[in-house]
N, C-alpha and C. Protein backbone atom coordinates (compact mmCIF):
# COMPACT_ATOMS: atom_id res chain seq x y z
N MET A 1 17.48 -16.51 0.01
CA MET A 1 16.84 -16.51 0.78
C MET A 1 16.70 -15.26 1.37
N ASN A 2 17.90 -14.98 2.45
CA ASN A 2 17.00 -13.05 2.91
C ASN A 2 16.54 -12.25 2.32
N TRP A 3 16.72 -12.51 0.82
CA TRP A 3 15.55 -11.61 0.52
C TRP A 3 14.18 -11.77 0.66
N LEU A 4 13.65 -12.73 0.48
CA LEU A 4 11.95 -13.88 0.60
C LEU A 4 11.68 -13.66 2.11
N LYS A 5 12.81 -13.97 2.93
CA LYS A 5 12.37 -14.33 4.87
C LYS A 5 11.80 -12.19 4.52
N GLN A 6 13.23 -11.49 3.95
CA GLN A 6 12.12 -9.84 4.89
C GLN A 6 11.37 -9.44 3.77
N ASN A 7 11.19 -9.96 2.77
CA ASN A 7 9.74 -9.29 1.46
C ASN A 7 8.81 -10.18 1.02
N TRP A 8 8.60 -10.82 2.57
CA TRP A 8 7.69 -12.18 2.07
C TRP A 8 6.16 -11.58 1.86
N ILE A 9 5.66 -11.41 2.78
CA ILE A 9 4.32 -9.79 2.73
C ILE A 9 4.56 -8.92 1.85
N THR A 10 5.47 -8.64 0.66
CA THR A 10 4.85 -7.54 -0.35
C THR A 10 4.48 -9.13 -0.85
N LEU A 11 5.46 -10.01 -1.41
CA LEU A 11 4.89 -11.71 -2.48
C LEU A 11 3.54 -11.43 -2.32
N VAL A 12 2.96 -11.90 -0.80
CA VAL A 12 1.84 -12.18 -0.44
C VAL A 12 0.36 -11.55 -1.50
N GLY A 13 2.02 -10.11 -0.91
CA GLY A 13 0.56 -8.94 -1.67
C GLY A 13 0.01 -9.49 -2.45
N VAL A 14 1.54 -9.16 -3.89
CA VAL A 14 1.65 -9.95 -5.00
C VAL A 14 0.34 -9.98 -5.94
N ILE A 15 0.12 -11.20 -5.30
CA ILE A 15 0.41 -13.19 -5.51
C ILE A 15 -1.03 -12.96 -5.24
N ALA A 16 -1.61 -12.04 -4.20
CA ALA A 16 -2.96 -11.48 -4.14
C ALA A 16 -3.57 -10.52 -4.39
N GLY A 17 -3.18 -9.69 -4.49
CA GLY A 17 -4.00 -7.86 -5.53
C GLY A 17 -4.26 -9.26 -6.94
N GLY A 18 -3.31 -9.93 -7.76
CA GLY A 18 -2.96 -9.94 -8.97
C GLY A 18 -4.09 -11.77 -8.92
N LEU A 19 -4.75 -12.32 -8.14
CA LEU A 19 -5.89 -12.88 -7.78
C LEU A 19 -6.65 -12.44 -7.83
N ILE A 20 -7.56 -11.89 -7.25
CA ILE A 20 -7.97 -10.65 -7.39
C ILE A 20 -8.53 -10.50 -8.51
N GLY A 21 -7.89 -9.60 -9.39
CA GLY A 21 -7.56 -8.95 -10.52
C GLY A 21 -7.66 -9.88 -11.57
N TYR A 22 -7.69 -11.06 -11.74
CA TYR A 22 -7.93 -11.82 -12.16
C TYR A 22 -8.81 -12.04 -12.15
N VAL A 23 -10.05 -12.77 -10.76
CA VAL A 23 -11.05 -13.40 -11.18
C VAL A 23 -12.47 -11.44 -10.74
N TYR A 24 -11.84 -10.79 -10.89
CA TYR A 24 -12.90 -9.95 -11.50
C TYR A 24 -13.11 -9.99 -12.73
N TRP A 25 -11.88 -9.90 -13.76
CA TRP A 25 -11.72 -10.17 -14.50
C TRP A 25 -13.35 -11.43 -14.90
N GLN A 26 -12.85 -12.32 -14.68
CA GLN A 26 -13.73 -13.72 -15.09
C GLN A 26 -14.66 -13.47 -14.92
N GLN A 27 -15.09 -12.69 -13.33
CA GLN A 27 -16.92 -12.64 -12.37
C GLN A 27 -17.17 -11.23 -13.61
N ILE A 28 -16.58 -10.48 -13.76
CA ILE A 28 -17.52 -9.01 -13.99
C ILE A 28 -16.79 -8.78 -15.16
N GLY A 29 -15.79 -8.46 -15.74
CA GLY A 29 -15.44 -7.88 -16.14
C GLY A 29 -15.89 -6.47 -17.26
N CYS A 30 -15.72 -7.59 -18.55
CA CYS A 30 -15.87 -6.11 -19.61
C CYS A 30 -16.34 -6.71 -20.77
N VAL A 31 -17.37 -6.66 -21.33
CA VAL A 31 -18.65 -7.38 -22.37
C VAL A 31 -17.62 -6.57 -24.01
N SER A 32 -17.93 -5.54 -24.01
CA SER A 32 -18.08 -4.83 -25.10
C SER A 32 -15.74 -4.17 -25.44
N GLY A 33 -14.98 -4.88 -24.50
CA GLY A 33 -14.04 -4.79 -24.86
C GLY A 33 -13.39 -3.22 -24.58
N SER A 34 -13.85 -2.38 -24.48
CA SER A 34 -13.77 -0.01 -24.14
C SER A 34 -13.32 -0.48 -23.26
N CYS A 35 -13.06 -1.17 -22.03
CA CYS A 35 -12.79 -0.90 -20.93
C CYS A 35 -11.22 -0.86 -20.53
N ALA A 36 -10.47 0.06 -20.55
CA ALA A 36 -8.90 -0.82 -20.25
C ALA A 36 -8.33 -1.40 -19.79
N ILE A 37 -9.02 -1.92 -18.16
CA ILE A 37 -8.42 -2.10 -17.51
C ILE A 37 -8.85 -3.84 -17.13
N SER A 38 -10.85 -3.92 -17.46
CA SER A 38 -11.26 -4.90 -17.64
C SER A 38 -11.53 -5.85 -19.12
N SER A 39 -10.74 -5.41 -19.88
CA SER A 39 -10.86 -5.63 -21.13
C SER A 39 -10.66 -6.99 -21.35
N LYS A 40 -9.86 -7.30 -21.40
CA LYS A 40 -8.04 -8.09 -21.46
C LYS A 40 -7.61 -9.07 -20.10
N PRO A 41 -8.00 -10.19 -18.90
CA PRO A 41 -7.28 -10.82 -18.11
C PRO A 41 -5.90 -10.22 -17.47
N ILE A 42 -5.13 -10.35 -18.38
CA ILE A 42 -3.40 -9.77 -17.61
C ILE A 42 -3.41 -8.26 -17.46
N ASN A 43 -4.80 -6.91 -18.21
CA ASN A 43 -4.30 -6.25 -17.70
C ASN A 43 -4.58 -5.94 -15.96
N SER A 44 -6.42 -6.94 -15.76
CA SER A 44 -7.06 -6.93 -14.77
C SER A 44 -5.35 -7.24 -13.54
N THR A 45 -4.97 -8.47 -14.05
CA THR A 45 -3.69 -9.26 -13.56
C THR A 45 -2.72 -8.21 -12.57
N LEU A 46 -3.00 -8.33 -13.96
CA LEU A 46 -1.41 -6.67 -13.54
C LEU A 46 -1.23 -5.68 -12.94
N TYR A 47 -2.79 -4.94 -12.69
CA TYR A 47 -3.59 -4.23 -12.55
C TYR A 47 -3.28 -4.34 -11.08
N GLY A 48 -3.60 -5.46 -10.45
CA GLY A 48 -4.47 -6.04 -8.78
C GLY A 48 -3.42 -5.81 -8.66
N SER A 49 -1.93 -6.75 -9.10
CA SER A 49 -0.58 -6.95 -8.42
C SER A 49 -1.06 -5.94 -8.08
N LEU A 50 0.00 -4.57 -8.81
CA LEU A 50 -0.03 -3.64 -8.29
C LEU A 50 -0.17 -2.91 -7.04
N LEU A 51 -1.89 -2.87 -6.69
CA LEU A 51 -2.44 -2.39 -5.81
C LEU A 51 -2.17 -3.54 -5.23
N GLY A 52 -2.41 -4.90 -4.71
CA GLY A 52 -1.57 -5.04 -3.46
C GLY A 52 -0.17 -4.72 -3.85
N TYR A 53 0.66 -5.03 -3.95
CA TYR A 53 2.05 -4.15 -3.98
C TYR A 53 1.91 -2.50 -3.19
N LEU A 54 1.20 -1.83 -3.55
CA LEU A 54 0.76 -0.57 -3.14
C LEU A 54 -0.02 -0.95 -1.79
N MET A 55 -1.34 -1.67 -1.53
CA MET A 55 -1.55 -1.57 -0.06
C MET A 55 -0.35 -2.21 0.99
N VAL A 56 0.62 -3.02 0.61
CA VAL A 56 1.10 -3.67 1.66
C VAL A 56 1.60 -2.58 1.92
N GLY A 57 2.16 -1.86 0.92
CA GLY A 57 3.22 -1.53 0.72
C GLY A 57 3.10 0.19 2.37
N VAL A 58 1.28 0.17 2.40
CA VAL A 58 1.31 0.96 3.34
C VAL A 58 1.69 0.61 4.52
N PHE A 59 1.51 -0.32 5.00
CA PHE A 59 1.38 -1.19 5.81
C PHE A 59 2.31 -1.69 6.67
N LYS A 60 3.48 -1.92 5.22
CA LYS A 60 4.56 -2.40 5.68
C LYS A 60 5.68 -1.29 6.64
N LYS A 61 6.75 -1.76 7.83
CA LYS A 61 7.35 -1.45 8.70
C LYS A 61 8.17 -0.69 7.56
N ARG A 62 8.81 0.80 8.09
CA ARG A 62 9.72 -0.03 7.32
C ARG A 62 11.70 0.26 8.85
N GLU A 63 12.28 -0.32 7.99
CA GLU A 63 13.95 -0.65 9.13
C GLU A 63 14.56 1.85 9.19
N LYS A 64 15.14 1.82 10.06
CA LYS A 64 15.23 2.69 10.42
C LYS A 64 17.46 2.69 10.19
N LYS A 65 18.37 2.87 9.87
CA LYS A 65 19.47 3.14 9.42
C LYS A 65 20.22 3.25 10.34
C-alpha cells in the first residue's frame, strides 16, 4: 500500500497514456497495416503507456536522500 501511495501519479499516467493510445488506434489507426505503432491495438496501447510514464516522470518530484 505504501508503494501505491508514493507512485499513484505514475500509475495514473501509464493508464491514461494506454487509454489514449488505444483510442488513437481506434479512431485514426492505420488502414494499410504497414504502420509500426498504429497497425495493432497492443502496439499503440503500449506506446501510449510508455509516453504516459515518461510524461509523468518529467513532472514528478524527486526525493532527496
